[in-house]
């Protein structure tokens, strides 16, 4: 029997949970599956099976009337622009601007930060 090699992809999961106990449970659950970028923002590198497990686990913990959870596919962590402090565990993983491709980010960022302030 030949096993297909599962292809892992990057995702960003963000949540806004109103009740502190639920918030703590979701944060603890997500720490097992991803890397925390902020208190309620995680990046994940998982295959479809892992994504299904994360979605199922989060669905069991959230209140659909009060909470908001979103998952965004991302090409790589470096495709996310950020400013400010970065956690030490992300230094080699997250560099701020994309290194590859025809991204407009470097040009946009340069224009934005180099413009004269009025």
N, C-alpha and C. Protein backbone atom coordinates (compact mmCIF):
# COMPACT_ATOMS: atom_id res chain seq x y z
N UNK A 1 0.84 -1.18 0.00
CA UNK A 1 0.00 0.00 0.00
C UNK A 1 0.89 1.25 0.00
N UNK A 2 0.63 2.13 -0.96
CA UNK A 2 1.40 3.36 -1.08
C UNK A 2 0.64 4.48 -0.40
N UNK A 3 1.33 5.17 0.50
CA UNK A 3 0.71 6.30 1.19
C UNK A 3 1.03 7.59 0.47
N UNK A 4 0.02 8.40 0.29
CA UNK A 4 0.25 9.72 -0.28
C UNK A 4 0.95 10.59 0.74
N UNK A 5 1.92 11.33 0.28
CA UNK A 5 2.58 12.29 1.16
C UNK A 5 1.64 13.48 1.33
N UNK A 6 1.33 13.78 2.57
CA UNK A 6 0.40 14.88 2.80
C UNK A 6 1.16 16.20 2.71
N UNK A 7 0.56 17.15 2.06
CA UNK A 7 1.16 18.45 1.83
C UNK A 7 0.69 19.43 2.90
N UNK A 8 1.63 19.97 3.65
CA UNK A 8 1.29 20.92 4.70
C UNK A 8 1.25 22.33 4.13
N UNK A 9 0.30 23.10 4.62
CA UNK A 9 0.13 24.48 4.19
C UNK A 9 0.09 25.38 5.43
N UNK A 10 0.34 26.65 5.20
CA UNK A 10 0.31 27.64 6.28
C UNK A 10 -1.07 28.25 6.41
N UNK A 11 -1.49 28.47 7.66
CA UNK A 11 -2.75 29.13 7.96
C UNK A 11 -2.55 30.08 9.13
N UNK A 12 -3.39 31.08 9.20
CA UNK A 12 -3.44 31.95 10.37
C UNK A 12 -4.83 31.80 10.97
N UNK A 13 -4.88 31.46 12.25
CA UNK A 13 -6.14 31.35 12.96
C UNK A 13 -6.21 32.49 13.97
N UNK A 14 -7.29 33.24 13.93
CA UNK A 14 -7.49 34.36 14.85
C UNK A 14 -8.84 34.19 15.53
N UNK A 15 -8.91 34.63 16.77
CA UNK A 15 -10.18 34.49 17.47
C UNK A 15 -10.42 35.64 18.43
N UNK A 16 -11.71 35.89 18.64
CA UNK A 16 -12.18 36.86 19.61
C UNK A 16 -13.23 36.12 20.43
N UNK A 17 -12.86 35.76 21.66
CA UNK A 17 -13.73 34.97 22.53
C UNK A 17 -14.08 35.82 23.74
N UNK A 18 -15.35 35.92 24.05
CA UNK A 18 -15.82 36.84 25.09
C UNK A 18 -15.67 36.32 26.51
N UNK A 19 -15.86 35.05 26.73
CA UNK A 19 -15.86 34.51 28.10
C UNK A 19 -14.46 34.01 28.46
N UNK A 20 -13.89 34.47 29.58
CA UNK A 20 -12.50 34.16 29.94
C UNK A 20 -12.17 32.67 30.04
N UNK A 21 -13.08 31.85 30.56
CA UNK A 21 -12.79 30.40 30.66
C UNK A 21 -12.70 29.77 29.27
N UNK A 22 -13.61 30.15 28.39
CA UNK A 22 -13.58 29.63 27.01
C UNK A 22 -12.32 30.12 26.30
N UNK A 23 -11.98 31.37 26.53
CA UNK A 23 -10.77 31.95 25.94
C UNK A 23 -9.54 31.16 26.35
N UNK A 24 -9.45 30.84 27.62
CA UNK A 24 -8.31 30.08 28.14
C UNK A 24 -8.26 28.67 27.52
N UNK A 25 -9.41 28.03 27.40
CA UNK A 25 -9.46 26.67 26.82
C UNK A 25 -9.03 26.69 25.35
N UNK A 26 -9.49 27.68 24.60
CA UNK A 26 -9.13 27.77 23.18
C UNK A 26 -7.65 28.08 23.04
N UNK A 27 -7.14 28.97 23.86
CA UNK A 27 -5.71 29.30 23.80
C UNK A 27 -4.86 28.07 24.11
N UNK A 28 -5.22 27.31 25.13
CA UNK A 28 -4.49 26.10 25.49
C UNK A 28 -4.55 25.08 24.35
N UNK A 29 -5.72 24.91 23.74
CA UNK A 29 -5.89 24.00 22.61
C UNK A 29 -5.00 24.42 21.44
N UNK A 30 -5.00 25.72 21.13
CA UNK A 30 -4.24 26.20 19.99
C UNK A 30 -2.74 26.13 20.22
N UNK A 31 -2.28 26.26 21.46
CA UNK A 31 -0.85 26.14 21.74
C UNK A 31 -0.32 24.76 21.37
N UNK A 32 -1.19 23.75 21.37
CA UNK A 32 -0.80 22.39 20.99
C UNK A 32 -0.65 22.23 19.47
N UNK A 33 -1.26 23.14 18.71
CA UNK A 33 -1.34 22.97 17.26
C UNK A 33 -0.60 24.03 16.45
N UNK A 34 -0.28 25.16 17.06
CA UNK A 34 0.33 26.23 16.29
C UNK A 34 1.29 27.07 17.10
N UNK A 35 1.74 28.13 16.49
CA UNK A 35 2.68 29.06 17.12
C UNK A 35 1.93 30.36 17.39
N UNK A 36 1.94 30.79 18.64
CA UNK A 36 1.23 32.01 19.01
C UNK A 36 2.02 33.23 18.53
N UNK A 37 1.37 34.06 17.73
CA UNK A 37 1.98 35.32 17.32
C UNK A 37 1.55 36.43 18.26
N UNK A 38 0.33 36.34 18.72
CA UNK A 38 -0.22 37.23 19.74
C UNK A 38 -1.12 36.35 20.60
N UNK A 39 -1.77 36.94 21.58
CA UNK A 39 -2.58 36.13 22.48
C UNK A 39 -3.71 35.39 21.77
N UNK A 40 -4.26 35.95 20.73
CA UNK A 40 -5.35 35.27 20.03
C UNK A 40 -5.11 35.17 18.53
N UNK A 41 -3.84 35.08 18.15
CA UNK A 41 -3.45 34.90 16.75
C UNK A 41 -2.40 33.79 16.69
N UNK A 42 -2.69 32.76 15.91
CA UNK A 42 -1.78 31.63 15.78
C UNK A 42 -1.49 31.37 14.31
N UNK A 43 -0.26 30.93 14.03
CA UNK A 43 0.03 30.44 12.69
C UNK A 43 0.22 28.94 12.79
N UNK A 44 -0.22 28.25 11.76
CA UNK A 44 -0.20 26.79 11.73
C UNK A 44 0.41 26.32 10.42
N UNK A 45 1.17 25.25 10.47
CA UNK A 45 1.60 24.57 9.25
C UNK A 45 1.09 23.15 9.36
N UNK A 46 -0.02 22.90 8.68
CA UNK A 46 -0.70 21.62 8.83
C UNK A 46 -1.25 21.13 7.49
N UNK A 47 -1.51 19.84 7.45
CA UNK A 47 -2.15 19.26 6.26
C UNK A 47 -3.66 19.32 6.44
N UNK A 48 -4.40 18.79 5.47
CA UNK A 48 -5.86 18.86 5.51
C UNK A 48 -6.44 18.13 6.72
N UNK A 49 -5.83 17.00 7.09
CA UNK A 49 -6.30 16.25 8.26
C UNK A 49 -6.11 17.07 9.52
N UNK A 50 -4.94 17.70 9.66
CA UNK A 50 -4.67 18.54 10.82
C UNK A 50 -5.60 19.74 10.87
N UNK A 51 -5.88 20.32 9.72
CA UNK A 51 -6.79 21.47 9.65
C UNK A 51 -8.18 21.05 10.11
N UNK A 52 -8.62 19.89 9.67
CA UNK A 52 -9.93 19.38 10.09
C UNK A 52 -9.97 19.19 11.60
N UNK A 53 -8.89 18.65 12.18
CA UNK A 53 -8.83 18.44 13.64
C UNK A 53 -8.88 19.76 14.39
N UNK A 54 -8.16 20.76 13.90
CA UNK A 54 -8.16 22.07 14.55
C UNK A 54 -9.56 22.69 14.47
N UNK A 55 -10.15 22.67 13.30
CA UNK A 55 -11.49 23.24 13.13
C UNK A 55 -12.50 22.53 14.04
N UNK A 56 -12.44 21.21 14.06
CA UNK A 56 -13.36 20.43 14.90
C UNK A 56 -13.16 20.75 16.37
N UNK A 57 -11.90 20.82 16.80
CA UNK A 57 -11.61 21.12 18.20
C UNK A 57 -12.07 22.50 18.61
N UNK A 58 -11.84 23.48 17.76
CA UNK A 58 -12.25 24.85 18.07
C UNK A 58 -13.78 24.95 18.07
N UNK A 59 -14.44 24.27 17.13
CA UNK A 59 -15.90 24.31 17.07
C UNK A 59 -16.54 23.80 18.36
N UNK A 60 -15.89 22.82 18.99
CA UNK A 60 -16.41 22.27 20.24
C UNK A 60 -16.28 23.27 21.40
N UNK A 61 -15.33 24.19 21.30
CA UNK A 61 -15.05 25.10 22.41
C UNK A 61 -15.72 26.46 22.31
N UNK A 62 -16.07 26.90 21.11
CA UNK A 62 -16.61 28.26 20.95
C UNK A 62 -18.12 28.30 21.13
N UNK A 63 -18.59 29.49 21.42
CA UNK A 63 -20.01 29.78 21.45
C UNK A 63 -20.31 30.55 20.17
N UNK A 64 -21.08 29.96 19.28
CA UNK A 64 -21.33 30.56 17.97
C UNK A 64 -22.07 31.89 18.04
N UNK A 65 -22.76 32.16 19.12
CA UNK A 65 -23.49 33.42 19.25
C UNK A 65 -22.62 34.55 19.78
N UNK A 66 -21.56 34.21 20.51
CA UNK A 66 -20.74 35.24 21.16
C UNK A 66 -19.33 35.39 20.59
N UNK A 67 -18.77 34.32 20.06
CA UNK A 67 -17.36 34.31 19.68
C UNK A 67 -17.18 34.43 18.17
N UNK A 68 -15.97 34.79 17.79
CA UNK A 68 -15.62 34.91 16.38
C UNK A 68 -14.27 34.24 16.16
N UNK A 69 -14.24 33.24 15.29
CA UNK A 69 -12.99 32.53 14.96
C UNK A 69 -12.87 32.52 13.45
N UNK A 70 -11.66 32.83 12.96
CA UNK A 70 -11.43 32.85 11.52
C UNK A 70 -10.11 32.15 11.20
N UNK A 71 -10.07 31.50 10.04
CA UNK A 71 -8.85 30.88 9.56
C UNK A 71 -8.57 31.43 8.17
N UNK A 72 -7.34 31.93 7.99
CA UNK A 72 -6.93 32.48 6.71
C UNK A 72 -5.76 31.68 6.17
N UNK A 73 -5.83 31.23 4.92
CA UNK A 73 -4.65 30.60 4.33
C UNK A 73 -3.60 31.68 4.03
N UNK A 74 -2.35 31.37 4.30
CA UNK A 74 -1.26 32.29 3.97
C UNK A 74 -0.20 31.52 3.21
N UNK A 75 0.55 32.20 2.35
CA UNK A 75 1.57 31.49 1.57
C UNK A 75 2.73 31.07 2.46
N UNK A 76 3.21 31.98 3.26
CA UNK A 76 4.27 31.70 4.25
C UNK A 76 4.11 32.73 5.36
N UNK A 77 4.70 32.48 6.53
CA UNK A 77 4.63 33.50 7.57
C UNK A 77 5.27 34.81 7.15
N UNK A 78 6.24 34.75 6.25
CA UNK A 78 6.90 35.99 5.81
C UNK A 78 6.01 36.84 4.90
N UNK A 79 4.85 36.30 4.49
CA UNK A 79 3.94 37.09 3.66
C UNK A 79 3.09 38.04 4.50
N UNK A 80 3.26 37.99 5.81
CA UNK A 80 2.52 38.86 6.72
C UNK A 80 3.43 40.00 7.14
N UNK A 81 2.99 41.21 6.94
CA UNK A 81 3.80 42.34 7.37
C UNK A 81 3.45 42.65 8.82
N UNK A 82 4.46 42.97 9.61
CA UNK A 82 4.22 43.32 11.01
C UNK A 82 5.24 44.36 11.45
N UNK A 83 4.88 45.11 12.45
CA UNK A 83 5.79 46.07 13.06
C UNK A 83 5.73 45.85 14.56
N UNK A 84 6.80 46.19 15.24
CA UNK A 84 6.81 46.05 16.69
C UNK A 84 7.54 44.79 17.13
N UNK A 85 7.29 44.41 18.34
CA UNK A 85 8.01 43.27 18.92
C UNK A 85 7.59 41.96 18.26
N UNK A 86 8.57 41.12 18.06
CA UNK A 86 8.31 39.77 17.56
C UNK A 86 8.85 38.79 18.60
N UNK A 87 8.12 37.76 18.83
CA UNK A 87 8.52 36.76 19.79
C UNK A 87 9.80 36.06 19.31
N UNK A 88 10.68 35.70 20.24
CA UNK A 88 11.97 35.06 19.91
C UNK A 88 11.78 33.78 19.11
N UNK A 89 10.77 32.99 19.42
CA UNK A 89 10.59 31.72 18.71
C UNK A 89 10.18 31.91 17.25
N UNK A 90 9.81 33.13 16.88
CA UNK A 90 9.41 33.39 15.50
C UNK A 90 10.52 34.02 14.66
N UNK A 91 11.66 34.34 15.28
CA UNK A 91 12.70 35.09 14.56
C UNK A 91 13.10 34.45 13.23
N UNK A 92 13.33 33.16 13.20
CA UNK A 92 13.76 32.49 11.97
C UNK A 92 12.58 32.15 11.07
N UNK A 93 11.39 32.16 11.63
CA UNK A 93 10.20 31.77 10.89
C UNK A 93 9.54 32.97 10.24
N UNK A 94 9.60 34.11 10.92
CA UNK A 94 8.85 35.28 10.52
C UNK A 94 9.81 36.43 10.28
N UNK A 95 9.87 36.92 9.05
CA UNK A 95 10.83 37.97 8.74
C UNK A 95 10.19 39.30 8.37
N UNK A 96 8.89 39.37 8.28
CA UNK A 96 8.24 40.65 8.07
C UNK A 96 7.80 40.93 6.65
N UNK A 97 8.67 40.75 5.67
CA UNK A 97 8.28 40.96 4.28
C UNK A 97 8.69 39.77 3.46
N UNK A 98 7.95 39.46 2.41
CA UNK A 98 8.27 38.30 1.60
C UNK A 98 9.62 38.43 0.91
N UNK A 99 10.32 37.30 0.78
CA UNK A 99 11.60 37.28 0.09
C UNK A 99 11.41 36.91 -1.38
N UNK A 100 10.33 36.22 -1.68
CA UNK A 100 10.16 35.68 -3.03
C UNK A 100 8.94 36.28 -3.71
N UNK A 101 8.92 36.15 -5.00
CA UNK A 101 7.72 36.50 -5.76
C UNK A 101 7.65 37.97 -6.11
N UNK A 102 6.55 38.32 -6.69
CA UNK A 102 6.30 39.67 -7.17
C UNK A 102 5.43 40.44 -6.20
N UNK A 103 5.70 40.35 -4.95
CA UNK A 103 4.85 40.99 -3.95
C UNK A 103 4.97 42.50 -4.02
N UNK A 104 3.85 43.19 -3.77
CA UNK A 104 3.88 44.65 -3.71
C UNK A 104 4.27 45.13 -2.32
N UNK A 105 4.34 44.23 -1.34
CA UNK A 105 4.61 44.66 0.03
C UNK A 105 5.86 45.49 0.17
N UNK A 106 7.02 45.06 -0.29
CA UNK A 106 8.21 45.88 -0.07
C UNK A 106 8.08 47.29 -0.65
N UNK A 107 7.50 47.43 -1.84
CA UNK A 107 7.32 48.75 -2.44
C UNK A 107 6.32 49.58 -1.64
N UNK A 108 5.20 48.96 -1.26
CA UNK A 108 4.18 49.66 -0.49
C UNK A 108 4.74 50.13 0.85
N UNK A 109 5.45 49.26 1.53
CA UNK A 109 6.00 49.60 2.85
C UNK A 109 7.02 50.73 2.70
N UNK A 110 7.87 50.63 1.70
CA UNK A 110 8.87 51.69 1.49
C UNK A 110 8.18 53.02 1.23
N UNK A 111 7.16 53.03 0.37
CA UNK A 111 6.43 54.27 0.09
C UNK A 111 5.77 54.82 1.34
N UNK A 112 5.12 53.93 2.08
CA UNK A 112 4.38 54.36 3.27
C UNK A 112 5.30 54.97 4.32
N UNK A 113 6.43 54.34 4.60
CA UNK A 113 7.30 54.81 5.66
C UNK A 113 8.27 55.90 5.22
N UNK A 114 8.46 56.08 3.94
CA UNK A 114 9.37 57.11 3.46
C UNK A 114 8.67 58.40 3.05
N UNK A 115 7.34 58.40 3.12
CA UNK A 115 6.62 59.62 2.74
C UNK A 115 6.79 60.69 3.81
N UNK A 116 6.69 61.91 3.38
CA UNK A 116 6.85 63.03 4.32
C UNK A 116 5.59 63.20 5.14
N UNK A 117 5.78 63.41 6.40
CA UNK A 117 4.65 63.61 7.30
C UNK A 117 4.27 65.10 7.32
N UNK A 118 2.98 65.38 7.32
CA UNK A 118 2.50 66.76 7.32
C UNK A 118 2.19 67.19 8.73
